[in-house]
C-alpha atoms as a PDB file:
ATOM      1  CA  MET A   1      -1.865  11.332 -63.559  1.00  0.00           C
ATOM      2  CA  SER A   2      -4.782   8.987 -63.566  1.00  0.00           C
ATOM      3  CA  HIS A   3      -6.285   7.404 -60.255  1.00  0.00           C
ATOM      4  CA  LYS A   4      -4.786   3.697 -61.384  1.00  0.00           C
ATOM      5  CA  LEU A   5      -1.441   4.839 -61.494  1.00  0.00           C
ATOM      6  CA  GLN A   6      -1.175   6.404 -58.204  1.00  0.00           C
ATOM      7  CA  ALA A   7      -2.759   3.560 -56.798  1.00  0.00           C
ATOM      8  CA  LEU A   8      -0.404   1.619 -58.289  1.00  0.00           C
ATOM      9  CA  LEU A   9       2.235   3.255 -57.465  1.00  0.00           C
ATOM     10  CA  ILE A  10       0.960   4.626 -53.553  1.00  0.00           C
ATOM     11  CA  ALA A  11       0.439   0.169 -52.925  1.00  0.00           C
ATOM     12  CA  ALA A  12       4.200  -0.160 -54.122  1.00  0.00           C
ATOM     13  CA  VAL A  13       5.804   1.971 -51.767  1.00  0.00           C
ATOM     14  CA  LEU A  14       3.860   0.667 -48.771  1.00  0.00           C
ATOM     15  CA  GLY A  15       4.837  -3.226 -50.289  1.00  0.00           C
ATOM     16  CA  VAL A  16       7.758  -1.296 -50.133  1.00  0.00           C
ATOM     17  CA  SER A  17       7.439  -0.103 -46.358  1.00  0.00           C
ATOM     18  CA  THR A  18       6.228  -3.359 -45.045  1.00  0.00           C
ATOM     19  CA  LEU A  19       9.638  -4.906 -46.367  1.00  0.00           C
ATOM     20  CA  GLY A  20      12.103  -3.436 -44.751  1.00  0.00           C
ATOM     21  CA  LEU A  21       9.373  -3.680 -41.544  1.00  0.00           C
ATOM     22  CA  ALA A  22      10.023  -7.074 -41.656  1.00  0.00           C
ATOM     23  CA  ALA A  23      13.187  -7.148 -42.245  1.00  0.00           C
ATOM     24  CA  CYS A  24      14.117  -5.403 -39.788  1.00  0.00           C
ATOM     25  CA  ASP A  25      13.004  -7.303 -37.295  1.00  0.00           C
ATOM     26  CA  SER A  26      15.656 -10.532 -37.262  1.00  0.00           C
ATOM     27  CA  ASN A  27      18.532  -8.318 -36.950  1.00  0.00           C
ATOM     28  CA  ASP A  28      17.937  -5.778 -33.969  1.00  0.00           C
ATOM     29  CA  GLY A  29      19.787  -2.790 -33.542  1.00  0.00           C
ATOM     30  CA  PRO A  30      21.527  -1.530 -30.812  1.00  0.00           C
ATOM     31  CA  ALA A  31      18.398   0.621 -29.272  1.00  0.00           C
ATOM     32  CA  GLU A  32      16.966  -2.655 -29.659  1.00  0.00           C
ATOM     33  CA  GLU A  33      18.727  -4.846 -27.930  1.00  0.00           C
ATOM     34  CA  ALA A  34      19.791  -1.639 -25.025  1.00  0.00           C
ATOM     35  CA  GLY A  35      15.644  -1.931 -25.056  1.00  0.00           C
ATOM     36  CA  GLU A  36      14.813  -6.331 -25.027  1.00  0.00           C
ATOM     37  CA  SER A  37      17.272  -5.858 -22.140  1.00  0.00           C
ATOM     38  CA  LEU A  38      15.459  -2.403 -20.122  1.00  0.00           C
ATOM     39  CA  ASP A  39      12.059  -4.517 -20.287  1.00  0.00           C
ATOM     40  CA  ASN A  40      14.011  -8.089 -19.031  1.00  0.00           C
ATOM     41  CA  ALA A  41      15.732  -6.196 -16.239  1.00  0.00           C
ATOM     42  CA  THR A  42      12.595  -4.204 -15.312  1.00  0.00           C
ATOM     43  CA  ASP A  43      10.514  -7.753 -15.236  1.00  0.00           C
ATOM     44  CA  ASN A  44      13.160  -9.614 -12.762  1.00  0.00           C
ATOM     45  CA  ALA A  45      13.422  -6.379 -10.267  1.00  0.00           C
ATOM     46  CA  GLY A  46       8.669  -6.102 -10.654  1.00  0.00           C
ATOM     47  CA  ASP A  47       9.734 -10.178 -10.327  1.00  0.00           C
ATOM     48  CA  ALA A  48      12.678  -9.925  -7.504  1.00  0.00           C
ATOM     49  CA  MET A  49       9.926  -7.042  -5.718  1.00  0.00           C
ATOM     50  CA  GLY A  50       6.752  -9.464  -5.695  1.00  0.00           C
ATOM     51  CA  ASP A  51      10.007 -12.016  -3.770  1.00  0.00           C
ATOM     52  CA  ALA A  52      10.578  -9.668  -1.004  1.00  0.00           C
ATOM     53  CA  ALA A  53       7.097  -8.252  -0.230  1.00  0.00           C
ATOM     54  CA  ASP A  54       6.400 -11.610  -0.200  1.00  0.00           C
ATOM     55  CA  ASN A  55       9.135 -12.646   2.611  1.00  0.00           C
ATOM     56  CA  THR A  56       8.356  -9.594   4.546  1.00  0.00           C
ATOM     57  CA  SER A  57       4.648 -10.300   5.088  1.00  0.00           C
ATOM     58  CA  ASP A  58       6.072 -14.073   5.880  1.00  0.00           C
ATOM     59  CA  ALA A  59       8.090 -12.744   8.832  1.00  0.00           C
ATOM     60  CA  MET A  60       5.901 -10.964   9.882  1.00  0.00           C
ATOM     61  CA  ASP A  61       3.179 -13.676  10.050  1.00  0.00           C
ATOM     62  CA  ASN A  62       5.642 -15.496  11.453  1.00  0.00           C
ATOM     63  CA  ALA A  63       6.764 -12.562  14.318  1.00  0.00           C
ATOM     64  CA  ALA A  64       2.698 -12.261  14.992  1.00  0.00           C
ATOM     65  CA  ASP A  65       2.631 -15.917  15.618  1.00  0.00           C
ATOM     66  CA  GLU A  66       5.347 -15.852  18.359  1.00  0.00           C
ATOM     67  CA  THR A  67       4.337 -13.287  20.010  1.00  0.00           C
ATOM     68  CA  SER A  68       1.034 -14.611  20.324  1.00  0.00           C
ATOM     69  CA  ASP A  69       2.395 -17.643  21.375  1.00  0.00           C
ATOM     70  CA  ALA A  70       4.640 -16.337  23.911  1.00  0.00           C
ATOM     71  CA  MET A  71       2.318 -13.958  25.756  1.00  0.00           C
ATOM     72  CA  ASP A  72      -0.584 -17.011  25.656  1.00  0.00           C
ATOM     73  CA  ASN A  73       2.500 -18.795  27.288  1.00  0.00           C
ATOM     74  CA  ALA A  74       3.170 -15.602  29.638  1.00  0.00           C
ATOM     75  CA  GLY A  75      -1.166 -15.956  30.464  1.00  0.00           C
ATOM     76  CA  ASP A  76      -0.719 -19.171  31.814  1.00  0.00           C
ATOM     77  CA  GLU A  77       2.044 -18.333  33.498  1.00  0.00           C
ATOM     78  CA  MET A  78       0.541 -15.244  34.914  1.00  0.00           C
ATOM     79  CA  ASP A  79      -2.530 -18.033  35.772  1.00  0.00           C
ATOM     80  CA  ASP A  80      -0.721 -21.032  37.680  1.00  0.00           C
ATOM     81  CA  ALA A  81       0.828 -18.497  40.187  1.00  0.00           C
ATOM     82  CA  THR A  82      -2.346 -16.904  41.248  1.00  0.00           C
ATOM     83  CA  ASP A  83      -3.910 -20.150  42.283  1.00  0.00           C
ATOM     84  CA  ASP A  84      -0.593 -22.160  43.501  1.00  0.00           C
ATOM     85  CA  HIS A  85      -0.751 -18.374  45.846  1.00  0.00           C
ATOM     86  CA  SER A  86      -4.838 -18.871  46.936  1.00  0.00           C
ATOM     87  CA  ASN A  87      -4.369 -21.977  47.707  1.00  0.00           C
END
C-alpha cells in the first residue's frame, strides 16, 4: 500500500471517528446522565457543607461575643459590689 493511500485511509478513519464522537455528545446515555447527576449531587453536597461551616462559624462567633459580654457584666457587678462595701 502506498504512503498516500495509507495516509488517506488513516485520515478517513479519524474523520469518521470524530463525527461519531460528536454525535455521542448530543445523545447522552444512561451512564453519562448518571455521571452528571453524581457531579451535581457532589457539587450540591459541597455547597451545603460550606454553608454549614459558615453557619457554625457564625454561631461560634455569636456565642463567644455573648460569653464575653456576660463576663464583662459579671466583672462590672463584682466591681459595684466591692465599691458598695468599701464605703
